Amino acid sequence: MPDLRVLIVADDPLARAGLAVLLAGQPGLIVAGRMSGAEDVDAAMAAYRPDALLWDLGWSAGSSLGRALERQPDWSDLNAPVVALLPDDAGARAAWTLGARGLLRRDAEPAQLAAALAAAANGLSTIDPSYTGHLFAAPDNPPGEPGTQTAALVEPLSPRELAVLRLVAEGLANKTIAAQLEISEHTVKFHVNAILGKLGVASRTEAVVRATRLGLIFL
């Protein structure tokens, strides 16, 4: 198997250098490039062709996420998954909603980083146990009107996920959905996996049924 190519994203140059050193010792993994969160992500993706991104949100996750949102409103639209490093649980939900497929603490061990990046590259999610209670806590709000996302969801669907879900409900394959939304088929797969997880179902059919009952889509 070819080495997993990783792009490191961090505002702090010392953090970028430190993460590169940590990952350099991990077998089957290569640091393809480094960049700050203020740089053009799409340009870096084209230049480095990573299989996964390791995005350090620094000691102020809110500020870093705000800057990321200005340049890339949905990490799931990237052609590679993002594993986010967080200082605490305050930014966990925002990073997850933005499209991170991995949530780890900034002090995670190198082997944990490598495992999370490999999992993300294979369509799986990795979440540090300290974040799960905060991330998937059931909201206290009662169910809303038809067409709104209710407390039955473990996590609200993003606008892009709703768009994918509507096309899934039409019976379209991932390749066709990708063409209609002008995104990669790989990205569609990430969206579908995220939709299944957020709806708490195991198949596309179950997702459509549950989403219909919740008023997210209408058949």
N, C-alpha and C. Protein backbone atom coordinates (compact mmCIF):
# COMPACT_ATOMS: atom_id res chain seq x y z
N MET A 1 0.84 -1.20 0.00
CA MET A 1 0.00 0.00 0.00
C MET A 1 0.88 1.24 0.00
N PRO A 2 0.51 2.25 -0.80
CA PRO A 2 1.29 3.50 -0.80
C PRO A 2 1.15 4.23 0.53
N ASP A 3 2.15 5.04 0.84
CA ASP A 3 2.10 5.82 2.08
C ASP A 3 0.94 6.80 2.06
N LEU A 4 0.35 7.02 3.23
CA LEU A 4 -0.74 7.98 3.38
C LEU A 4 -0.15 9.39 3.37
N ARG A 5 -0.61 10.22 2.44
CA ARG A 5 -0.10 11.58 2.33
C ARG A 5 -0.93 12.51 3.22
N VAL A 6 -0.25 13.24 4.11
CA VAL A 6 -0.94 14.09 5.07
C VAL A 6 -0.52 15.55 4.88
N LEU A 7 -1.51 16.42 4.88
CA LEU A 7 -1.27 17.86 4.86
C LEU A 7 -1.53 18.40 6.26
N ILE A 8 -0.53 19.06 6.84
CA ILE A 8 -0.66 19.64 8.18
C ILE A 8 -1.11 21.08 8.05
N VAL A 9 -2.18 21.44 8.79
CA VAL A 9 -2.69 22.82 8.80
C VAL A 9 -2.65 23.34 10.23
N ALA A 10 -1.93 24.43 10.44
CA ALA A 10 -1.85 25.04 11.77
C ALA A 10 -1.41 26.48 11.62
N ASP A 11 -2.02 27.37 12.38
CA ASP A 11 -1.63 28.78 12.33
C ASP A 11 -0.24 29.01 12.92
N ASP A 12 0.08 28.26 13.97
CA ASP A 12 1.36 28.41 14.65
C ASP A 12 2.45 27.63 13.91
N PRO A 13 3.50 28.30 13.41
CA PRO A 13 4.56 27.57 12.70
C PRO A 13 5.26 26.54 13.57
N LEU A 14 5.35 26.80 14.87
CA LEU A 14 5.95 25.81 15.76
C LEU A 14 5.09 24.56 15.86
N ALA A 15 3.77 24.75 15.87
CA ALA A 15 2.86 23.60 15.89
C ALA A 15 3.00 22.79 14.61
N ARG A 16 3.11 23.48 13.47
CA ARG A 16 3.29 22.79 12.19
C ARG A 16 4.56 21.95 12.21
N ALA A 17 5.63 22.55 12.70
CA ALA A 17 6.90 21.83 12.74
C ALA A 17 6.84 20.66 13.71
N GLY A 18 6.23 20.88 14.88
CA GLY A 18 6.13 19.82 15.87
C GLY A 18 5.31 18.64 15.38
N LEU A 19 4.18 18.92 14.73
CA LEU A 19 3.34 17.84 14.21
C LEU A 19 4.07 17.08 13.10
N ALA A 20 4.83 17.79 12.29
CA ALA A 20 5.58 17.13 11.22
C ALA A 20 6.59 16.15 11.81
N VAL A 21 7.25 16.56 12.91
CA VAL A 21 8.22 15.68 13.56
C VAL A 21 7.52 14.45 14.15
N LEU A 22 6.36 14.67 14.78
CA LEU A 22 5.63 13.55 15.38
C LEU A 22 5.19 12.54 14.32
N LEU A 23 4.72 13.05 13.19
CA LEU A 23 4.21 12.15 12.15
C LEU A 23 5.32 11.49 11.35
N ALA A 24 6.49 12.11 11.33
CA ALA A 24 7.60 11.58 10.53
C ALA A 24 8.02 10.19 10.99
N GLY A 25 7.81 9.89 12.26
CA GLY A 25 8.20 8.59 12.78
C GLY A 25 7.15 7.51 12.65
N GLN A 26 6.02 7.82 12.04
CA GLN A 26 4.94 6.85 11.92
C GLN A 26 5.02 6.09 10.59
N PRO A 27 5.05 4.77 10.65
CA PRO A 27 5.16 3.99 9.41
C PRO A 27 3.92 4.13 8.52
N GLY A 28 4.15 4.09 7.22
CA GLY A 28 3.04 4.16 6.27
C GLY A 28 2.44 5.53 6.11
N LEU A 29 3.15 6.55 6.57
CA LEU A 29 2.61 7.91 6.54
C LEU A 29 3.71 8.88 6.12
N ILE A 30 3.34 9.84 5.27
CA ILE A 30 4.29 10.84 4.83
C ILE A 30 3.66 12.23 4.94
N VAL A 31 4.42 13.19 5.44
CA VAL A 31 3.94 14.57 5.50
C VAL A 31 4.14 15.20 4.13
N ALA A 32 3.05 15.37 3.41
CA ALA A 32 3.13 15.89 2.05
C ALA A 32 3.34 17.39 2.01
N GLY A 33 2.86 18.10 3.05
CA GLY A 33 3.00 19.55 3.07
C GLY A 33 2.51 20.14 4.37
N ARG A 34 2.79 21.43 4.54
CA ARG A 34 2.35 22.18 5.73
C ARG A 34 1.83 23.54 5.28
N MET A 35 0.84 24.05 5.99
CA MET A 35 0.28 25.36 5.66
C MET A 35 -0.40 25.95 6.89
N SER A 36 -0.66 27.25 6.86
CA SER A 36 -1.42 27.89 7.93
C SER A 36 -2.89 27.90 7.53
N GLY A 37 -3.75 28.09 8.52
CA GLY A 37 -5.18 28.12 8.23
C GLY A 37 -5.60 29.33 7.42
N ALA A 38 -4.73 30.32 7.29
CA ALA A 38 -5.06 31.52 6.53
C ALA A 38 -4.76 31.37 5.04
N GLU A 39 -4.08 30.29 4.66
CA GLU A 39 -3.73 30.08 3.26
C GLU A 39 -4.88 29.44 2.50
N ASP A 40 -4.75 29.41 1.18
CA ASP A 40 -5.77 28.86 0.30
C ASP A 40 -5.75 27.34 0.37
N VAL A 41 -6.78 26.75 0.97
CA VAL A 41 -6.81 25.30 1.15
C VAL A 41 -6.91 24.59 -0.19
N ASP A 42 -7.75 25.09 -1.09
CA ASP A 42 -7.92 24.44 -2.38
C ASP A 42 -6.60 24.39 -3.16
N ALA A 43 -5.84 25.49 -3.10
CA ALA A 43 -4.55 25.52 -3.79
C ALA A 43 -3.58 24.51 -3.17
N ALA A 44 -3.60 24.42 -1.85
CA ALA A 44 -2.73 23.47 -1.16
C ALA A 44 -3.13 22.03 -1.49
N MET A 45 -4.43 21.78 -1.58
CA MET A 45 -4.91 20.44 -1.94
C MET A 45 -4.39 20.04 -3.32
N ALA A 46 -4.43 20.98 -4.25
CA ALA A 46 -3.97 20.70 -5.61
C ALA A 46 -2.45 20.49 -5.65
N ALA A 47 -1.74 21.26 -4.81
CA ALA A 47 -0.28 21.18 -4.83
C ALA A 47 0.25 19.93 -4.13
N TYR A 48 -0.35 19.57 -2.99
CA TYR A 48 0.19 18.48 -2.17
C TYR A 48 -0.54 17.15 -2.36
N ARG A 49 -1.75 17.17 -2.90
CA ARG A 49 -2.56 15.97 -3.15
C ARG A 49 -2.61 15.05 -1.92
N PRO A 50 -3.06 15.58 -0.77
CA PRO A 50 -3.09 14.76 0.45
C PRO A 50 -4.24 13.76 0.45
N ASP A 51 -4.04 12.69 1.23
CA ASP A 51 -5.11 11.72 1.47
C ASP A 51 -5.92 12.11 2.71
N ALA A 52 -5.34 12.94 3.56
CA ALA A 52 -6.02 13.40 4.77
C ALA A 52 -5.34 14.67 5.26
N LEU A 53 -6.09 15.49 6.00
CA LEU A 53 -5.55 16.72 6.58
C LEU A 53 -5.57 16.62 8.09
N LEU A 54 -4.48 17.05 8.72
CA LEU A 54 -4.43 17.16 10.18
C LEU A 54 -4.48 18.65 10.50
N TRP A 55 -5.62 19.10 11.06
CA TRP A 55 -5.89 20.53 11.24
C TRP A 55 -5.83 20.88 12.72
N ASP A 56 -4.76 21.57 13.11
CA ASP A 56 -4.60 21.99 14.51
C ASP A 56 -5.32 23.31 14.72
N LEU A 57 -6.29 23.33 15.63
CA LEU A 57 -7.08 24.53 15.89
C LEU A 57 -6.49 25.41 16.99
N GLY A 58 -5.28 25.07 17.43
CA GLY A 58 -4.58 25.92 18.38
C GLY A 58 -5.24 25.96 19.75
N TRP A 59 -4.93 27.02 20.52
CA TRP A 59 -5.48 27.15 21.86
C TRP A 59 -6.79 27.92 21.87
N SER A 60 -7.20 28.43 20.72
CA SER A 60 -8.47 29.14 20.60
C SER A 60 -9.23 28.55 19.41
N ALA A 61 -9.93 27.45 19.67
CA ALA A 61 -10.61 26.75 18.59
C ALA A 61 -11.64 27.64 17.89
N GLY A 62 -12.33 28.48 18.66
CA GLY A 62 -13.35 29.35 18.07
C GLY A 62 -12.79 30.27 17.00
N SER A 63 -11.65 30.89 17.28
CA SER A 63 -11.04 31.81 16.31
C SER A 63 -10.58 31.05 15.08
N SER A 64 -9.94 29.90 15.28
CA SER A 64 -9.45 29.12 14.15
C SER A 64 -10.59 28.62 13.27
N LEU A 65 -11.68 28.18 13.91
CA LEU A 65 -12.83 27.71 13.14
C LEU A 65 -13.48 28.85 12.38
N GLY A 66 -13.51 30.04 12.98
CA GLY A 66 -14.06 31.20 12.30
C GLY A 66 -13.29 31.51 11.03
N ARG A 67 -11.97 31.48 11.11
CA ARG A 67 -11.15 31.73 9.92
C ARG A 67 -11.34 30.63 8.89
N ALA A 68 -11.45 29.39 9.36
CA ALA A 68 -11.65 28.27 8.43
C ALA A 68 -12.97 28.41 7.68
N LEU A 69 -14.02 28.82 8.40
CA LEU A 69 -15.34 28.98 7.78
C LEU A 69 -15.34 30.04 6.69
N GLU A 70 -14.53 31.09 6.86
CA GLU A 70 -14.48 32.15 5.87
C GLU A 70 -13.93 31.64 4.55
N ARG A 71 -13.01 30.67 4.61
CA ARG A 71 -12.35 30.19 3.40
C ARG A 71 -12.94 28.89 2.88
N GLN A 72 -13.41 28.03 3.79
CA GLN A 72 -13.93 26.72 3.39
C GLN A 72 -15.15 26.40 4.25
N PRO A 73 -16.36 26.80 3.79
CA PRO A 73 -17.57 26.65 4.61
C PRO A 73 -17.91 25.21 5.00
N ASP A 74 -17.39 24.25 4.27
CA ASP A 74 -17.73 22.85 4.57
C ASP A 74 -16.51 21.98 4.29
N TRP A 75 -15.87 21.48 5.35
CA TRP A 75 -14.69 20.63 5.16
C TRP A 75 -15.03 19.38 4.38
N SER A 76 -16.26 18.94 4.41
CA SER A 76 -16.65 17.73 3.68
C SER A 76 -16.55 17.92 2.18
N ASP A 77 -16.49 19.17 1.72
CA ASP A 77 -16.35 19.42 0.29
C ASP A 77 -14.92 19.26 -0.20
N LEU A 78 -13.97 19.16 0.72
CA LEU A 78 -12.59 18.92 0.33
C LEU A 78 -12.45 17.50 -0.20
N ASN A 79 -11.46 17.26 -1.02
CA ASN A 79 -11.26 15.92 -1.58
C ASN A 79 -10.50 15.00 -0.64
N ALA A 80 -10.29 15.43 0.59
CA ALA A 80 -9.65 14.60 1.61
C ALA A 80 -10.26 14.94 2.96
N PRO A 81 -10.38 13.96 3.85
CA PRO A 81 -11.01 14.21 5.15
C PRO A 81 -10.10 14.97 6.11
N VAL A 82 -10.73 15.63 7.08
CA VAL A 82 -10.00 16.44 8.06
C VAL A 82 -10.06 15.77 9.43
N VAL A 83 -8.92 15.66 10.08
CA VAL A 83 -8.84 15.27 11.49
C VAL A 83 -8.45 16.54 12.24
N ALA A 84 -9.32 16.99 13.14
CA ALA A 84 -9.10 18.25 13.86
C ALA A 84 -8.51 17.99 15.24
N LEU A 85 -7.57 18.84 15.62
CA LEU A 85 -6.97 18.79 16.95
C LEU A 85 -7.53 19.95 17.76
N LEU A 86 -8.12 19.63 18.92
CA LEU A 86 -8.81 20.63 19.73
C LEU A 86 -8.17 20.79 21.10
N PRO A 87 -8.17 22.01 21.65
CA PRO A 87 -7.62 22.22 22.99
C PRO A 87 -8.56 21.76 24.10
N ASP A 88 -9.87 21.75 23.83
CA ASP A 88 -10.87 21.33 24.80
C ASP A 88 -12.14 20.98 24.03
N ASP A 89 -13.23 20.71 24.75
CA ASP A 89 -14.45 20.27 24.06
C ASP A 89 -15.30 21.41 23.53
N ALA A 90 -14.88 22.66 23.76
CA ALA A 90 -15.70 23.81 23.37
C ALA A 90 -15.95 23.87 21.87
N GLY A 91 -14.97 23.49 21.07
CA GLY A 91 -15.13 23.58 19.62
C GLY A 91 -15.48 22.27 18.96
N ALA A 92 -15.72 21.22 19.75
CA ALA A 92 -15.94 19.89 19.17
C ALA A 92 -17.16 19.86 18.26
N ARG A 93 -18.28 20.38 18.74
CA ARG A 93 -19.51 20.34 17.94
C ARG A 93 -19.36 21.17 16.67
N ALA A 94 -18.74 22.34 16.77
CA ALA A 94 -18.57 23.20 15.59
C ALA A 94 -17.67 22.53 14.56
N ALA A 95 -16.58 21.91 15.03
CA ALA A 95 -15.66 21.24 14.10
C ALA A 95 -16.35 20.05 13.43
N TRP A 96 -17.17 19.33 14.20
CA TRP A 96 -17.88 18.18 13.65
C TRP A 96 -18.90 18.63 12.61
N THR A 97 -19.62 19.70 12.91
CA THR A 97 -20.60 20.23 11.98
C THR A 97 -19.93 20.76 10.72
N LEU A 98 -18.74 21.34 10.88
CA LEU A 98 -17.99 21.84 9.74
C LEU A 98 -17.57 20.72 8.81
N GLY A 99 -17.49 19.50 9.34
CA GLY A 99 -17.18 18.35 8.48
C GLY A 99 -15.96 17.55 8.88
N ALA A 100 -15.40 17.81 10.08
CA ALA A 100 -14.25 17.02 10.52
C ALA A 100 -14.66 15.55 10.67
N ARG A 101 -13.79 14.65 10.24
CA ARG A 101 -14.08 13.23 10.37
C ARG A 101 -13.27 12.60 11.50
N GLY A 102 -12.51 13.44 12.18
CA GLY A 102 -11.78 12.99 13.35
C GLY A 102 -11.64 14.14 14.32
N LEU A 103 -11.82 13.87 15.62
CA LEU A 103 -11.67 14.89 16.66
C LEU A 103 -10.75 14.33 17.74
N LEU A 104 -9.57 14.93 17.85
CA LEU A 104 -8.60 14.49 18.84
C LEU A 104 -8.14 15.67 19.67
N ARG A 105 -7.56 15.36 20.83
CA ARG A 105 -6.98 16.39 21.68
C ARG A 105 -5.62 16.79 21.11
N ARG A 106 -5.20 18.00 21.43
CA ARG A 106 -3.92 18.50 20.91
C ARG A 106 -2.74 17.71 21.46
N ASP A 107 -2.92 17.04 22.61
CA ASP A 107 -1.82 16.28 23.19
C ASP A 107 -1.90 14.80 22.84
N ALA A 108 -2.63 14.47 21.77
CA ALA A 108 -2.75 13.06 21.36
C ALA A 108 -1.38 12.49 21.00
N GLU A 109 -1.20 11.21 21.26
CA GLU A 109 0.05 10.54 20.95
C GLU A 109 0.22 10.39 19.43
N PRO A 110 1.46 10.33 18.95
CA PRO A 110 1.69 10.18 17.50
C PRO A 110 0.95 8.99 16.89
N ALA A 111 0.92 7.86 17.61
CA ALA A 111 0.23 6.68 17.09
C ALA A 111 -1.27 6.94 16.96
N GLN A 112 -1.84 7.72 17.89
CA GLN A 112 -3.26 8.07 17.80
C GLN A 112 -3.52 8.96 16.58
N LEU A 113 -2.62 9.90 16.35
CA LEU A 113 -2.77 10.76 15.18
C LEU A 113 -2.74 9.94 13.90
N ALA A 114 -1.78 9.06 13.81
CA ALA A 114 -1.63 8.24 12.60
C ALA A 114 -2.85 7.35 12.40
N ALA A 115 -3.35 6.75 13.48
CA ALA A 115 -4.51 5.86 13.37
C ALA A 115 -5.75 6.63 12.95
N ALA A 116 -5.94 7.83 13.50
CA ALA A 116 -7.11 8.65 13.15
C ALA A 116 -7.05 9.09 11.69
N LEU A 117 -5.87 9.45 11.23
CA LEU A 117 -5.70 9.88 9.83
C LEU A 117 -5.97 8.71 8.88
N ALA A 118 -5.47 7.53 9.22
CA ALA A 118 -5.71 6.35 8.39
C ALA A 118 -7.20 6.00 8.37
N ALA A 119 -7.84 6.10 9.54
CA ALA A 119 -9.28 5.81 9.61
C ALA A 119 -10.07 6.79 8.75
N ALA A 120 -9.73 8.09 8.86
CA ALA A 120 -10.44 9.10 8.08
C ALA A 120 -10.27 8.87 6.58
N ALA A 121 -9.06 8.50 6.18
CA ALA A 121 -8.80 8.26 4.75
C ALA A 121 -9.59 7.07 4.23
N ASN A 122 -10.03 6.19 5.15
CA ASN A 122 -10.81 5.02 4.76
C ASN A 122 -12.30 5.19 5.07
N GLY A 123 -12.72 6.44 5.28
CA GLY A 123 -14.15 6.72 5.46
C GLY A 123 -14.68 6.51 6.86
N LEU A 124 -13.79 6.38 7.85
CA LEU A 124 -14.23 6.16 9.23
C LEU A 124 -13.97 7.40 10.07
N SER A 125 -14.66 7.52 11.19
CA SER A 125 -14.50 8.65 12.09
C SER A 125 -13.86 8.21 13.39
N THR A 126 -13.04 9.09 13.95
CA THR A 126 -12.39 8.84 15.23
C THR A 126 -12.64 10.03 16.14
N ILE A 127 -13.21 9.77 17.32
CA ILE A 127 -13.52 10.84 18.26
C ILE A 127 -12.93 10.49 19.63
N ASP A 128 -12.16 11.41 20.19
CA ASP A 128 -11.62 11.20 21.52
C ASP A 128 -12.78 11.02 22.50
N PRO A 129 -12.71 10.02 23.39
CA PRO A 129 -13.82 9.76 24.33
C PRO A 129 -14.24 10.97 25.15
N SER A 130 -13.32 11.89 25.40
CA SER A 130 -13.67 13.05 26.21
C SER A 130 -14.63 13.99 25.50
N TYR A 131 -14.77 13.84 24.17
CA TYR A 131 -15.66 14.72 23.41
C TYR A 131 -17.04 14.13 23.18
N THR A 132 -17.19 12.82 23.31
CA THR A 132 -18.44 12.19 22.89
C THR A 132 -19.66 12.65 23.66
N GLY A 133 -19.52 12.81 24.98
CA GLY A 133 -20.66 13.26 25.77
C GLY A 133 -21.13 14.65 25.36
N HIS A 134 -20.19 15.53 25.12
CA HIS A 134 -20.53 16.90 24.71
C HIS A 134 -21.08 16.91 23.29
N LEU A 135 -20.50 16.08 22.43
CA LEU A 135 -20.84 16.11 21.01
C LEU A 135 -22.22 15.54 20.74
N PHE A 136 -22.55 14.43 21.40
CA PHE A 136 -23.79 13.73 21.09
C PHE A 136 -24.84 13.84 22.19
N ALA A 137 -24.66 14.80 23.06
CA ALA A 137 -25.68 15.00 24.11
C ALA A 137 -26.99 15.39 23.46
N ALA A 138 -28.08 14.78 23.90
CA ALA A 138 -29.39 15.08 23.32
C ALA A 138 -29.80 16.49 23.70
N PRO A 139 -30.23 17.31 22.76
CA PRO A 139 -30.65 18.66 23.09
C PRO A 139 -31.93 18.66 23.90
N ASP A 140 -32.12 19.74 24.68
CA ASP A 140 -33.30 19.84 25.53
C ASP A 140 -34.51 20.41 24.78
N ASN A 141 -34.28 20.96 23.59
CA ASN A 141 -35.38 21.60 22.87
C ASN A 141 -36.41 20.57 22.41
N PRO A 142 -37.66 20.87 22.48
CA PRO A 142 -38.69 19.96 22.00
C PRO A 142 -38.69 19.92 20.49
N PRO A 143 -39.35 18.90 19.88
CA PRO A 143 -39.41 18.82 18.43
C PRO A 143 -40.00 20.08 17.83
N GLY A 144 -39.48 20.45 16.66
CA GLY A 144 -39.95 21.67 16.01
C GLY A 144 -41.07 21.39 15.03
N GLU A 145 -41.37 22.38 14.23
CA GLU A 145 -42.41 22.23 13.22
C GLU A 145 -41.90 21.33 12.10
N PRO A 146 -42.79 20.79 11.26
CA PRO A 146 -42.34 19.97 10.13
C PRO A 146 -41.33 20.75 9.31
N GLY A 147 -40.27 20.02 8.89
CA GLY A 147 -39.24 20.65 8.09
C GLY A 147 -38.06 21.11 8.92
N THR A 148 -38.16 21.02 10.27
CA THR A 148 -37.04 21.40 11.12
C THR A 148 -36.39 20.15 11.66
N GLN A 149 -35.12 20.28 12.08
CA GLN A 149 -34.41 19.16 12.65
C GLN A 149 -34.69 19.12 14.14
N THR A 150 -35.08 17.97 14.66
CA THR A 150 -35.57 17.87 16.02
C THR A 150 -34.59 17.16 16.93
N ALA A 151 -35.01 17.02 18.19
CA ALA A 151 -34.17 16.37 19.19
C ALA A 151 -33.91 14.92 18.87
N ALA A 152 -34.62 14.33 17.91
CA ALA A 152 -34.38 12.94 17.55
C ALA A 152 -33.05 12.76 16.84
N LEU A 153 -32.47 13.84 16.34
CA LEU A 153 -31.17 13.77 15.69
C LEU A 153 -30.06 13.89 16.70
N VAL A 154 -29.01 13.06 16.55
CA VAL A 154 -27.87 13.18 17.44
C VAL A 154 -27.03 14.40 17.06
N GLU A 155 -27.14 14.86 15.81
CA GLU A 155 -26.39 16.02 15.34
C GLU A 155 -27.11 16.59 14.12
N PRO A 156 -27.32 17.90 14.04
CA PRO A 156 -28.02 18.47 12.89
C PRO A 156 -27.28 18.20 11.58
N LEU A 157 -28.05 18.04 10.52
CA LEU A 157 -27.45 17.87 9.20
C LEU A 157 -27.04 19.23 8.64
N SER A 158 -25.90 19.26 7.98
CA SER A 158 -25.44 20.49 7.34
C SER A 158 -26.25 20.72 6.06
N PRO A 159 -26.25 21.94 5.51
CA PRO A 159 -26.97 22.18 4.25
C PRO A 159 -26.53 21.24 3.13
N ARG A 160 -25.24 20.96 3.05
CA ARG A 160 -24.76 20.05 2.01
C ARG A 160 -25.26 18.64 2.23
N GLU A 161 -25.29 18.20 3.49
CA GLU A 161 -25.80 16.86 3.79
C GLU A 161 -27.28 16.75 3.45
N LEU A 162 -28.05 17.81 3.70
CA LEU A 162 -29.47 17.79 3.34
C LEU A 162 -29.63 17.69 1.83
N ALA A 163 -28.78 18.38 1.08
CA ALA A 163 -28.85 18.32 -0.38
C ALA A 163 -28.56 16.90 -0.86
N VAL A 164 -27.54 16.27 -0.26
CA VAL A 164 -27.21 14.89 -0.62
C VAL A 164 -28.36 13.95 -0.25
N LEU A 165 -28.93 14.16 0.94
CA LEU A 165 -30.02 13.31 1.41
C LEU A 165 -31.22 13.37 0.46
N ARG A 166 -31.54 14.55 -0.02
CA ARG A 166 -32.68 14.68 -0.95
C ARG A 166 -32.43 13.90 -2.24
N LEU A 167 -31.19 13.91 -2.70
CA LEU A 167 -30.88 13.16 -3.92
C LEU A 167 -30.84 11.66 -3.65
N VAL A 168 -30.40 11.28 -2.45
CA VAL A 168 -30.45 9.87 -2.06
C VAL A 168 -31.90 9.39 -2.05
N ALA A 169 -32.81 10.25 -1.56
CA ALA A 169 -34.23 9.91 -1.51
C ALA A 169 -34.81 9.72 -2.91
N GLU A 170 -34.18 10.33 -3.91
CA GLU A 170 -34.63 10.15 -5.29
C GLU A 170 -34.09 8.87 -5.91
N GLY A 171 -33.30 8.14 -5.12
CA GLY A 171 -32.76 6.86 -5.60
C GLY A 171 -31.51 6.99 -6.44
N LEU A 172 -30.85 8.15 -6.39
CA LEU A 172 -29.67 8.38 -7.22
C LEU A 172 -28.43 7.73 -6.61
N ALA A 173 -27.54 7.25 -7.45
CA ALA A 173 -26.28 6.67 -7.01
C ALA A 173 -25.29 7.77 -6.67
N ASN A 174 -24.24 7.41 -5.93
CA ASN A 174 -23.25 8.40 -5.52
C ASN A 174 -22.63 9.13 -6.71
N LYS A 175 -22.37 8.40 -7.79
CA LYS A 175 -21.74 9.02 -8.97
C LYS A 175 -22.64 10.10 -9.55
N THR A 176 -23.93 9.82 -9.61
CA THR A 176 -24.88 10.79 -10.16
C THR A 176 -25.03 11.99 -9.22
N ILE A 177 -25.08 11.72 -7.91
CA ILE A 177 -25.16 12.80 -6.94
C ILE A 177 -23.94 13.71 -7.05
N ALA A 178 -22.78 13.10 -7.19
CA ALA A 178 -21.54 13.88 -7.32
C ALA A 178 -21.60 14.80 -8.53
N ALA A 179 -22.11 14.27 -9.64
CA ALA A 179 -22.20 15.08 -10.86
C ALA A 179 -23.18 16.24 -10.69
N GLN A 180 -24.31 15.97 -10.05
CA GLN A 180 -25.31 17.02 -9.88
C GLN A 180 -24.84 18.13 -8.94
N LEU A 181 -24.12 17.76 -7.88
CA LEU A 181 -23.66 18.75 -6.89
C LEU A 181 -22.27 19.29 -7.22
N GLU A 182 -21.66 18.74 -8.28
CA GLU A 182 -20.33 19.17 -8.71
C GLU A 182 -19.30 19.00 -7.60
N ILE A 183 -19.34 17.83 -6.98
CA ILE A 183 -18.34 17.44 -5.98
C ILE A 183 -17.85 16.05 -6.35
N SER A 184 -16.82 15.58 -5.66
CA SER A 184 -16.28 14.26 -5.99
C SER A 184 -17.16 13.15 -5.42
N GLU A 185 -17.06 11.98 -6.04
CA GLU A 185 -17.81 10.82 -5.54
C GLU A 185 -17.31 10.45 -4.14
N HIS A 186 -16.01 10.65 -3.90
CA HIS A 186 -15.44 10.38 -2.58
C HIS A 186 -16.10 11.26 -1.53
N THR A 187 -16.33 12.54 -1.87
CA THR A 187 -16.98 13.46 -0.93
C THR A 187 -18.42 13.04 -0.67
N VAL A 188 -19.11 12.58 -1.69
CA VAL A 188 -20.48 12.10 -1.52
C VAL A 188 -20.51 10.96 -0.51
N LYS A 189 -19.55 10.04 -0.61
CA LYS A 189 -19.50 8.92 0.32
C LYS A 189 -19.35 9.42 1.76
N PHE A 190 -18.52 10.44 1.95
CA PHE A 190 -18.35 11.01 3.29
C PHE A 190 -19.67 11.58 3.79
N HIS A 191 -20.36 12.31 2.91
CA HIS A 191 -21.64 12.89 3.30
C HIS A 191 -22.65 11.81 3.68
N VAL A 192 -22.72 10.77 2.88
CA VAL A 192 -23.67 9.68 3.14
C VAL A 192 -23.36 9.03 4.48
N ASN A 193 -22.08 8.76 4.74
CA ASN A 193 -21.70 8.16 6.02
C ASN A 193 -22.07 9.07 7.19
N ALA A 194 -21.86 10.38 7.00
CA ALA A 194 -22.21 11.32 8.06
C ALA A 194 -23.72 11.36 8.29
N ILE A 195 -24.49 11.30 7.21
CA ILE A 195 -25.95 11.30 7.30
C ILE A 195 -26.44 10.08 8.07
N LEU A 196 -25.89 8.91 7.74
CA LEU A 196 -26.30 7.68 8.43
C LEU A 196 -26.01 7.78 9.92
N GLY A 197 -24.83 8.33 10.25
CA GLY A 197 -24.46 8.45 11.65
C GLY A 197 -25.36 9.42 12.40
N LYS A 198 -25.65 10.55 11.78
CA LYS A 198 -26.46 11.56 12.45
C LYS A 198 -27.91 11.13 12.60
N LEU A 199 -28.39 10.34 11.65
CA LEU A 199 -29.77 9.85 11.74
C LEU A 199 -29.87 8.57 12.58
N GLY A 200 -28.71 7.99 12.90
CA GLY A 200 -28.70 6.78 13.71
C GLY A 200 -29.25 5.57 12.98
N VAL A 201 -28.93 5.46 11.68
CA VAL A 201 -29.42 4.33 10.88
C VAL A 201 -28.25 3.64 10.20
N ALA A 202 -28.53 2.49 9.59
CA ALA A 202 -27.45 1.69 8.99
C ALA A 202 -27.51 1.62 7.47
N SER A 203 -28.57 2.12 6.86
CA SER A 203 -28.68 2.03 5.41
C SER A 203 -29.30 3.29 4.83
N ARG A 204 -29.16 3.45 3.51
CA ARG A 204 -29.71 4.61 2.83
C ARG A 204 -31.24 4.60 2.90
N THR A 205 -31.82 3.41 2.79
CA THR A 205 -33.28 3.29 2.86
C THR A 205 -33.80 3.74 4.22
N GLU A 206 -33.13 3.26 5.28
CA GLU A 206 -33.53 3.67 6.63
C GLU A 206 -33.37 5.17 6.81
N ALA A 207 -32.33 5.73 6.21
CA ALA A 207 -32.09 7.17 6.32
C ALA A 207 -33.24 7.96 5.71
N VAL A 208 -33.71 7.52 4.55
CA VAL A 208 -34.81 8.21 3.87
C VAL A 208 -36.09 8.11 4.70
N VAL A 209 -36.36 6.92 5.23
CA VAL A 209 -37.56 6.73 6.05
C VAL A 209 -37.52 7.62 7.29
N ARG A 210 -36.37 7.60 7.97
CA ARG A 210 -36.26 8.37 9.21
C ARG A 210 -36.31 9.87 8.93
N ALA A 211 -35.65 10.30 7.86
CA ALA A 211 -35.65 11.72 7.52
C ALA A 211 -37.05 12.20 7.16
N THR A 212 -37.82 11.33 6.51
CA THR A 212 -39.19 11.68 6.16
C THR A 212 -40.05 11.85 7.41
N ARG A 213 -39.87 10.94 8.35
CA ARG A 213 -40.63 11.02 9.59
C ARG A 213 -40.27 12.27 10.40
N LEU A 214 -39.01 12.69 10.28
CA LEU A 214 -38.57 13.89 10.99
C LEU A 214 -38.95 15.18 10.27
N GLY A 215 -39.46 15.05 9.06
CA GLY A 215 -39.84 16.24 8.30
C GLY A 215 -38.67 16.92 7.61
N LEU A 216 -37.53 16.20 7.48
CA LEU A 216 -36.36 16.78 6.83
C LEU A 216 -36.52 16.79 5.31
N ILE A 217 -37.21 15.78 4.80
CA ILE A 217 -37.48 15.68 3.37
C ILE A 217 -38.93 15.26 3.15
N PHE A 218 -39.43 15.50 1.99
CA PHE A 218 -40.81 15.12 1.64
C PHE A 218 -40.78 14.32 0.35
N LEU A 219 -41.40 13.15 0.37
CA LEU A 219 -41.42 12.29 -0.81
C LEU A 219 -42.68 12.52 -1.64
